[in-house]
Amino acid sequence: MRKSIIFSIFALVLMTACTSELECTSDADCVPASCCHADSCVPKDRAPDCSETFCTQECVPETLDCNQGDCICQDNRCTTEFY
């Protein structure tokens, strides 16, 4: 019984590790999730196309505007770090 439980836990951990997506390995792999006033980050391959987008120049609170934060890679996931 004990071996069965240990094996089940090991299998669950292995399946979870295999299905989790590796988003990044460095901060450079992460970009803002939206073109204007982003408050989250995504991997570069999921970056929005901002080529025809015009944003206001205001510094919206709790966004990446005006150097209020950065996109970082933490635990192989893109996330936002606010200052």
Protein backbone atom coordinates (compact mmCIF):
# COMPACT_ATOMS: atom_id res chain seq x y z
CA MET A 1 0.00 0.00 0.00
CA ARG A 2 2.75 2.44 0.94
CA LYS A 3 4.67 1.77 -2.30
CA SER A 4 1.48 2.34 -4.25
CA ILE A 5 0.93 5.74 -2.64
CA ILE A 6 4.55 6.79 -3.20
CA PHE A 7 4.37 5.68 -6.84
CA SER A 8 1.11 7.60 -7.33
CA ILE A 9 2.61 10.79 -5.89
CA PHE A 10 5.72 10.41 -8.06
CA ALA A 11 3.58 9.85 -11.18
CA LEU A 12 1.45 12.90 -10.40
CA VAL A 13 4.51 15.11 -9.94
CA LEU A 14 6.04 13.79 -13.16
CA MET A 15 2.85 14.39 -15.15
CA THR A 16 2.51 17.91 -13.78
CA ALA A 17 6.12 18.74 -14.64
CA CYS A 18 5.72 17.41 -18.17
CA THR A 19 2.55 19.36 -18.88
CA SER A 20 3.67 22.70 -17.46
CA GLU A 21 4.71 25.15 -20.12
CA LEU A 22 8.14 26.71 -19.96
CA GLU A 23 7.43 30.35 -20.80
CA CYS A 24 10.85 31.87 -20.27
CA THR A 25 14.41 31.39 -19.15
CA SER A 26 15.36 35.07 -18.78
CA ASP A 27 13.66 38.44 -18.33
CA ALA A 28 14.35 39.21 -22.02
CA ASP A 29 11.88 36.45 -22.97
CA CYS A 30 8.95 38.41 -21.47
CA VAL A 31 7.05 41.41 -22.87
CA PRO A 32 3.96 43.45 -21.90
CA ALA A 33 0.68 41.59 -22.53
CA SER A 34 -1.07 44.57 -24.11
CA CYS A 35 -0.02 47.48 -26.27
CA CYS A 36 -1.24 50.23 -23.97
CA HIS A 37 -1.11 50.47 -20.19
CA ALA A 38 -0.14 46.83 -19.69
CA ASP A 39 -0.46 45.41 -16.21
CA SER A 40 0.76 41.88 -17.02
CA CYS A 41 3.36 40.13 -19.14
CA VAL A 42 3.49 37.26 -21.64
CA PRO A 43 6.22 35.33 -23.48
CA LYS A 44 7.55 37.03 -26.62
CA ASP A 45 5.84 34.51 -28.90
CA ARG A 46 2.47 35.68 -27.55
CA ALA A 47 3.26 39.40 -27.77
CA PRO A 48 0.47 41.59 -29.17
CA ASP A 49 0.95 43.27 -32.55
CA CYS A 50 1.21 46.94 -31.65
CA SER A 51 2.35 48.18 -35.06
CA GLU A 52 -0.88 50.12 -35.69
CA THR A 53 -1.71 51.05 -32.10
CA PHE A 54 -1.56 54.54 -30.65
CA CYS A 55 -1.50 54.88 -26.87
CA THR A 56 -2.00 57.87 -24.64
CA GLN A 57 1.09 59.19 -22.92
CA GLU A 58 -0.45 59.19 -19.45
CA CYS A 59 1.08 57.20 -16.60
CA VAL A 60 -1.76 54.93 -15.56
CA PRO A 61 -1.31 53.66 -11.99
CA GLU A 62 -0.59 49.95 -11.45
CA THR A 63 0.66 49.44 -15.00
CA LEU A 64 4.07 49.21 -16.64
CA ASP A 65 3.69 52.85 -17.76
CA CYS A 66 6.44 55.32 -16.86
CA ASN A 67 8.80 52.66 -15.49
CA GLN A 68 6.41 51.65 -12.70
CA GLY A 69 7.38 48.03 -13.30
CA ASP A 70 9.02 45.48 -15.55
CA CYS A 71 8.36 42.13 -17.14
CA ILE A 72 10.46 39.45 -15.48
CA CYS A 73 10.93 35.70 -15.74
CA GLN A 74 10.23 34.07 -12.39
CA ASP A 75 10.08 30.29 -12.00
CA ASN A 76 10.04 30.01 -15.82
CA ARG A 77 6.85 32.10 -16.02
CA CYS A 78 6.49 35.66 -17.30
CA THR A 79 5.24 37.92 -14.55
CA THR A 80 5.16 41.59 -13.64
CA GLU A 81 7.30 43.22 -11.00
CA PHE A 82 6.08 46.60 -9.80
CA TYR A 83 8.32 49.08 -7.98
